[in-house]
Every structure is written in structure tokens, then in C-alpha cells.
Amino acid sequence: MVHINFGCSIAVFTLVSTATADCTRASLLAASENYLTAQGTGDLQPLFASDFTYLENNKTKDFNSSVLSSPLNITHNHTLLDTIACATYTELVITDPKKQYLIGTQIHYINTSGTSLQISMIDAIVSTTGDWQFNATKSLSYIESEDWSPLPTSSQSTRTYLLSTADAYLDLWGANNASAHVPWGTPCDRMEGSAYTGKGTPTDSCNVGIPTTIQLPNVARRYVVDEGMGCVSVLCVFQCMRNAPDSHEFRVVDGRLRYVHTMTVMRSNA
């Protein structure tokens, strides 16, 4: 079970697992495949635990009125598996001409001892037309040029290192920006909505457009970590962009930052 505590003006999320977090990569992979199949029909209810919580763009919401309750024609997806937190993160790209989306979903599961995992919480950042640099078709073209295959053991980093890398990057916007040491890689490519720093050269950098002065910090961070993929997903509140709901996904290869994917929701009615 996942408990969520809300502050006064900004949601503060505290994730506490009260179920046995004995989740293997195989069980999480099967659960994520069940989710993707169900998302294609919009019928996710059979996957939910009895005490289910849904968050969309940092707000609790009735799932039946959510974007995810509708069938989505998924063009692209990739998933991270976190056996420690019993959670997954899935990046979805929907290029349907009727309605396009970039969606980042952290899904938390409970282990029901012998049966398939049940979803205790879906925490989704749902971006669409009107959000920061949004163009799903353009984003897809960049994603398809990247390498998100599993890493050999020699290229993997520890869970602690992946978390510290993500936090160092996000701390660039807070009071700790001067002490934030990001292990920048070269090349490194960052995608913000559909804006892309990469030019396809060996000197591509993610260290562009980074603030040089102290700004409001990125808070309410929630994490999913996959050491085998060298990845960490962070959902948060991006305070310097009008408290925007935000998703950052980082990929670290050989100890250096290789890719950053972001989704930032700017619509006032989201």
C-alpha cells in the first residue's frame, strides 16, 4: 500500500510500502506488459488493488475521469523495473492524430504472494498540446534514434549513484546549485518535450540551458530506479515553472549522463 500526504500549497508525497516488496524483474515485466495491454483498451480496473490511488499531474483524481481510463493507441513505450520499490516507470508516446500525448507513469505494486502483482498506485505526468515544447511526433523521431537497450554489467552504476546523479541534476535549480556535481557525459542528449540538444555529434552536451543563479528548487520528488538500464525516473514539482508537474528520466552509461528526457505540464487546467 502506498500512503500519500499532502502539504498546504504543494503536494508532498511520502511513499510507504506496507506489502512485501519481493518483486522480481520477471514479475514486474509481466505486470508492465499487462498494464500496456490494458492501457490499449482503457480497462485497467482488473489490475487494481482494493486500496488504489491515482495521481495525474501531481493531483489525486478519480481514475474514471482520467486520460488513462480511455483507450490509448500507443506508438512507443519503454519501461524501467525497480525491484526494490516494487515499482515501474513507463514512458508512453501517443501520436494519434485525434490526440497526442507524452506520458510518464510510475506504477507501484503490491505482491499478493503467488498471484500476479496488483497496482496500488499510478502516478502519471500527462503532457499534451499546450505543454512545454510539446510535439509527440517530433519527440518520437528523437527517441527512436537513441539507444535504450539494457547495459552490460560493466557499464552499470549502483542505485545510490543513479539517485545521486538525478538529484544533482535537479539540484541545479535550487539553493544547492553551486555544490551540485553532475557527471556530464559526452555525448549527452536532452529532450524537453520535443526540443532536443543533440545534433548527432560526438560533442553533444546536456549541459546547456542550465541555470547559473539560484532558483526555486524542484520538490516532491518520487523515484523509480532500474540499475540494469542505468536509469532513474523522477516525478516532481518544478517550482520555477509555475509549480509545473514534471517528469525527468535519466540514463547513465559508464558513470556518465547519456540521456535526459523531460515532460513538463504547463496547461492551467491540467
Protein backbone atom coordinates (compact mmCIF):
# COMPACT_ATOMS: atom_id res chain seq x y z
CA MET A 1 0.00 0.00 0.00
CA VAL A 2 1.20 3.49 -0.75
CA HIS A 3 0.26 6.39 1.51
CA ILE A 4 0.31 9.96 0.22
CA ASN A 5 0.50 13.01 2.46
CA PHE A 6 -0.31 16.44 1.00
CA GLY A 7 1.12 19.73 2.18
CA CYS A 8 -0.79 23.01 2.13
CA SER A 9 0.19 24.50 -1.21
CA ILE A 10 2.45 21.87 -2.77
CA ALA A 11 1.78 18.18 -2.68
CA VAL A 12 4.27 16.28 -0.55
CA PHE A 13 4.39 12.59 -1.38
CA THR A 14 5.55 10.01 1.11
CA LEU A 15 5.63 6.51 -0.30
CA VAL A 16 5.48 3.79 2.32
CA SER A 17 5.26 0.18 1.26
CA THR A 18 3.29 -1.96 3.68
CA ALA A 19 3.34 -5.00 1.42
CA THR A 20 6.23 -7.37 0.94
CA ALA A 21 8.37 -5.73 -1.73
CA ASP A 22 9.52 -9.10 -3.07
CA CYS A 23 9.22 -8.18 -6.73
CA THR A 24 11.43 -9.81 -9.32
CA ARG A 25 12.25 -8.33 -12.70
CA ALA A 26 10.19 -11.12 -14.25
CA SER A 27 7.10 -10.31 -12.17
CA LEU A 28 7.43 -6.58 -12.79
CA LEU A 29 7.93 -7.15 -16.51
CA ALA A 30 4.80 -9.29 -16.64
CA ALA A 31 2.88 -6.63 -14.68
CA SER A 32 4.06 -3.86 -17.02
CA GLU A 33 3.04 -5.90 -20.06
CA ASN A 34 -0.40 -6.41 -18.50
CA TYR A 35 -0.62 -2.67 -17.94
CA LEU A 36 0.31 -1.83 -21.53
CA THR A 37 -2.24 -4.31 -22.89
CA ALA A 38 -4.93 -2.86 -20.63
CA GLN A 39 -3.96 0.71 -21.49
CA GLY A 40 -4.71 -0.04 -25.10
CA THR A 41 -8.33 -0.69 -24.13
CA GLY A 42 -8.62 1.73 -21.21
CA ASP A 43 -9.83 -1.12 -18.99
CA LEU A 44 -7.29 -1.09 -16.16
CA GLN A 45 -9.70 -1.78 -13.31
CA PRO A 46 -8.99 -5.56 -13.11
CA LEU A 47 -5.32 -4.74 -12.37
CA PHE A 48 -6.06 -2.52 -9.34
CA ALA A 49 -5.68 -3.47 -5.70
CA SER A 50 -8.67 -2.73 -3.48
CA ASP A 51 -6.93 0.31 -1.96
CA PHE A 52 -5.93 2.01 -5.22
CA THR A 53 -4.77 5.61 -5.63
CA TYR A 54 -4.47 7.59 -8.84
CA LEU A 55 -2.42 10.76 -9.30
CA GLU A 56 -2.44 12.76 -12.52
CA ASN A 57 -0.16 15.77 -12.81
CA ASN A 58 0.51 15.81 -9.06
CA LYS A 59 -3.18 15.79 -8.10
CA THR A 60 -5.34 12.99 -6.80
CA LYS A 61 -8.05 12.26 -9.32
CA ASP A 62 -10.91 9.90 -9.98
CA PHE A 63 -9.42 7.35 -12.34
CA ASN A 64 -12.68 7.05 -14.29
CA SER A 65 -12.34 10.68 -15.42
CA SER A 66 -8.64 10.41 -16.23
CA VAL A 67 -6.78 10.32 -19.52
CA LEU A 68 -5.57 6.79 -18.73
CA SER A 69 -9.14 5.49 -18.42
CA SER A 70 -9.57 5.93 -22.19
CA PRO A 71 -8.07 3.59 -24.81
CA LEU A 72 -4.70 4.90 -25.95
CA ASN A 73 -3.13 3.95 -29.26
CA ILE A 74 0.44 3.65 -28.00
CA THR A 75 3.08 4.37 -30.64
CA HIS A 76 6.13 3.84 -28.44
CA ASN A 77 6.87 2.71 -24.90
CA HIS A 78 9.79 1.76 -22.74
CA THR A 79 9.74 0.60 -19.13
CA LEU A 80 12.04 0.68 -16.10
CA LEU A 81 11.77 -2.06 -13.46
CA ASP A 82 12.54 -1.29 -9.79
CA THR A 83 12.68 -4.50 -7.74
CA ILE A 84 13.49 -2.64 -4.51
CA ALA A 85 10.50 -0.30 -4.61
CA CYS A 86 8.24 -2.85 -6.35
CA ALA A 87 7.51 -0.23 -9.00
CA THR A 88 7.85 0.52 -12.70
CA TYR A 89 8.16 3.61 -14.82
CA THR A 90 6.81 3.62 -18.37
CA GLU A 91 7.32 6.31 -20.98
CA LEU A 92 4.41 6.41 -23.44
CA VAL A 93 4.30 8.23 -26.76
CA ILE A 94 0.91 8.57 -28.44
CA THR A 95 0.96 10.14 -31.91
CA ASP A 96 -2.72 9.56 -32.68
CA PRO A 97 -3.85 12.48 -34.90
CA LYS A 98 -7.00 12.79 -32.77
CA LYS A 99 -5.00 13.49 -29.60
CA GLN A 100 -1.27 13.28 -28.95
CA TYR A 101 0.36 12.65 -25.59
CA LEU A 102 3.70 12.13 -23.89
CA ILE A 103 3.01 10.32 -20.63
CA GLY A 104 5.30 9.23 -17.83
CA THR A 105 3.77 6.72 -15.40
CA GLN A 106 5.27 5.48 -12.18
CA ILE A 107 3.26 2.43 -11.12
CA HIS A 108 3.55 0.96 -7.63
CA TYR A 109 2.57 -2.65 -6.98
CA ILE A 110 1.77 -4.93 -4.09
CA ASN A 111 2.86 -8.55 -4.04
CA THR A 112 -0.11 -10.80 -3.38
CA SER A 113 2.01 -13.88 -2.62
CA GLY A 114 1.75 -16.21 -5.55
CA THR A 115 -0.67 -14.33 -7.81
CA SER A 116 0.15 -11.54 -10.21
CA LEU A 117 1.17 -8.14 -8.84
CA GLN A 118 -1.66 -5.68 -8.23
CA ILE A 119 -1.44 -1.94 -8.83
CA SER A 120 -1.66 0.09 -5.62
CA MET A 121 -0.91 3.46 -7.20
CA ILE A 122 -0.48 5.07 -10.60
CA ASP A 123 1.40 8.37 -10.53
CA ALA A 124 1.22 9.90 -14.01
CA ILE A 125 2.58 13.02 -15.68
CA VAL A 126 0.35 13.54 -18.71
CA SER A 127 1.55 16.12 -21.24
CA THR A 128 -0.23 17.14 -24.42
CA THR A 129 -0.85 20.12 -26.71
CA GLY A 130 -0.16 23.35 -24.82
CA ASP A 131 2.56 21.89 -22.61
CA TRP A 132 6.26 22.72 -22.66
CA GLN A 133 7.71 22.23 -26.17
CA PHE A 134 5.07 19.58 -26.92
CA ASN A 135 5.11 17.72 -30.22
CA ALA A 136 4.78 13.96 -29.81
CA THR A 137 5.67 13.13 -33.41
CA LYS A 138 8.87 15.14 -33.21
CA SER A 139 9.74 13.61 -29.83
CA LEU A 140 9.27 10.13 -31.24
CA SER A 141 11.78 10.81 -34.01
CA TYR A 142 14.44 11.65 -31.41
CA ILE A 143 13.62 8.73 -29.13
CA GLU A 144 13.87 6.24 -31.99
CA SER A 145 17.41 7.43 -32.74
CA GLU A 146 18.59 6.72 -29.18
CA ASP A 147 19.94 3.54 -27.56
CA TRP A 148 17.93 2.45 -24.51
CA SER A 149 18.97 -1.20 -24.53
CA PRO A 150 19.94 -2.97 -21.27
CA LEU A 151 23.50 -2.24 -20.16
CA PRO A 152 26.24 -4.83 -19.67
CA THR A 153 27.19 -5.20 -16.02
CA SER A 154 30.46 -3.37 -16.60
CA SER A 155 28.58 -0.23 -17.72
CA GLN A 156 26.01 -0.20 -14.89
CA SER A 157 26.02 2.11 -11.86
CA THR A 158 24.76 1.45 -8.35
CA ARG A 159 21.32 2.51 -7.18
CA THR A 160 22.90 5.09 -4.89
CA TYR A 161 24.94 6.58 -7.74
CA LEU A 162 21.92 6.79 -10.05
CA LEU A 163 19.86 8.55 -7.37
CA SER A 164 22.69 10.97 -6.58
CA THR A 165 23.07 11.78 -10.29
CA ALA A 166 19.37 12.55 -10.66
CA ASP A 167 19.35 14.67 -7.52
CA ALA A 168 22.50 16.54 -8.53
CA TYR A 169 20.90 17.47 -11.86
CA LEU A 170 17.62 18.58 -10.28
CA ASP A 171 19.51 20.47 -7.56
CA LEU A 172 20.88 22.77 -10.26
CA TRP A 173 17.62 24.72 -9.80
CA GLY A 174 17.86 25.10 -6.02
CA ALA A 175 19.94 26.65 -3.28
CA ASN A 176 22.45 23.78 -3.58
CA ASN A 177 23.22 24.51 -7.23
CA ALA A 178 26.82 25.53 -6.54
CA SER A 179 27.58 22.16 -4.92
CA ALA A 180 25.64 20.04 -7.42
CA HIS A 181 28.20 17.91 -9.25
CA VAL A 182 26.57 16.30 -12.30
CA PRO A 183 28.62 13.58 -14.06
CA TRP A 184 28.09 15.06 -17.51
CA GLY A 185 28.74 12.68 -20.35
CA THR A 186 29.96 13.45 -23.86
CA PRO A 187 27.96 12.94 -25.92
CA CYS A 188 24.79 13.61 -23.92
CA ASP A 189 21.37 14.39 -25.39
CA ARG A 190 18.44 16.05 -23.58
CA MET A 191 14.86 16.07 -24.82
CA GLU A 192 12.49 18.64 -23.30
CA GLY A 193 9.09 17.87 -24.76
CA SER A 194 10.21 17.99 -28.39
CA ALA A 195 13.18 20.33 -28.00
CA TYR A 196 16.45 18.43 -28.40
CA THR A 197 20.00 19.42 -27.53
CA GLY A 198 21.59 16.69 -29.63
CA LYS A 199 22.98 17.34 -33.09
CA GLY A 200 24.26 13.82 -33.68
CA THR A 201 27.86 14.79 -32.96
CA PRO A 202 30.39 13.27 -30.53
CA THR A 203 30.42 16.55 -28.60
CA ASP A 204 26.64 16.73 -27.94
CA SER A 205 26.02 18.14 -24.45
CA CYS A 206 23.20 18.21 -21.90
CA ASN A 207 24.99 21.00 -20.04
CA VAL A 208 23.20 23.74 -21.96
CA GLY A 209 20.38 25.99 -20.79
CA ILE A 210 21.27 25.20 -17.18
CA PRO A 211 20.56 27.98 -14.64
CA THR A 212 23.54 29.94 -13.35
CA THR A 213 21.67 31.60 -10.47
CA ILE A 214 19.68 30.17 -7.56
CA GLN A 215 16.08 29.39 -8.48
CA LEU A 216 13.20 27.72 -6.69
CA PRO A 217 14.03 24.04 -6.03
CA ASN A 218 12.38 21.02 -7.63
CA VAL A 219 10.43 19.36 -4.83
CA ALA A 220 8.16 16.40 -4.04
CA ARG A 221 10.50 14.04 -5.89
CA ARG A 222 9.40 10.43 -6.43
CA TYR A 223 11.84 7.87 -7.82
CA VAL A 224 11.91 4.63 -9.80
CA VAL A 225 15.37 3.14 -10.36
CA ASP A 226 16.50 0.44 -12.79
CA GLU A 227 20.18 -0.39 -12.41
CA GLY A 228 20.16 -2.80 -15.36
CA MET A 229 19.05 0.01 -17.67
CA GLY A 230 21.21 2.64 -15.98
CA CYS A 231 18.08 4.72 -15.49
CA VAL A 232 16.19 6.66 -12.86
CA SER A 233 12.78 8.30 -13.22
CA VAL A 234 11.92 11.31 -11.08
CA LEU A 235 8.47 12.90 -10.92
CA CYS A 236 8.40 16.25 -9.15
CA VAL A 237 7.05 19.77 -8.82
CA PHE A 238 9.08 22.18 -10.99
CA GLN A 239 8.56 25.30 -8.90
CA CYS A 240 10.39 27.77 -11.14
CA MET A 241 7.94 26.94 -13.94
CA ARG A 242 4.80 27.90 -12.01
CA ASN A 243 4.82 24.70 -9.91
CA ALA A 244 4.55 22.62 -13.07
CA PRO A 245 4.07 18.84 -12.81
CA ASP A 246 7.25 17.38 -14.23
CA SER A 247 8.91 14.12 -15.24
CA HIS A 248 12.67 13.70 -15.65
CA GLU A 249 14.20 10.42 -16.78
CA PHE A 250 17.98 9.98 -16.71
CA ARG A 251 20.18 7.34 -18.34
CA VAL A 252 23.72 6.87 -17.05
CA VAL A 253 26.25 4.81 -19.02
CA ASP A 254 29.73 4.05 -17.66
CA GLY A 255 29.12 6.50 -14.84
CA ARG A 256 28.28 9.42 -17.15
CA LEU A 257 24.98 11.04 -18.03
CA ARG A 258 23.94 9.98 -21.55
CA TYR A 259 20.25 10.90 -21.99
CA VAL A 260 17.70 13.10 -20.25
CA HIS A 261 14.00 13.03 -21.14
CA THR A 262 11.65 15.62 -19.65
CA MET A 263 7.91 16.25 -19.73
CA THR A 264 6.59 19.45 -18.16
CA VAL A 265 2.88 20.24 -17.90
CA MET A 266 2.14 23.95 -18.38
CA ARG A 267 -1.63 23.93 -19.00
CA SER A 268 -3.51 25.73 -16.23
CA ASN A 269 -6.40 23.27 -16.45
CA ALA A 270 -4.26 20.10 -16.33
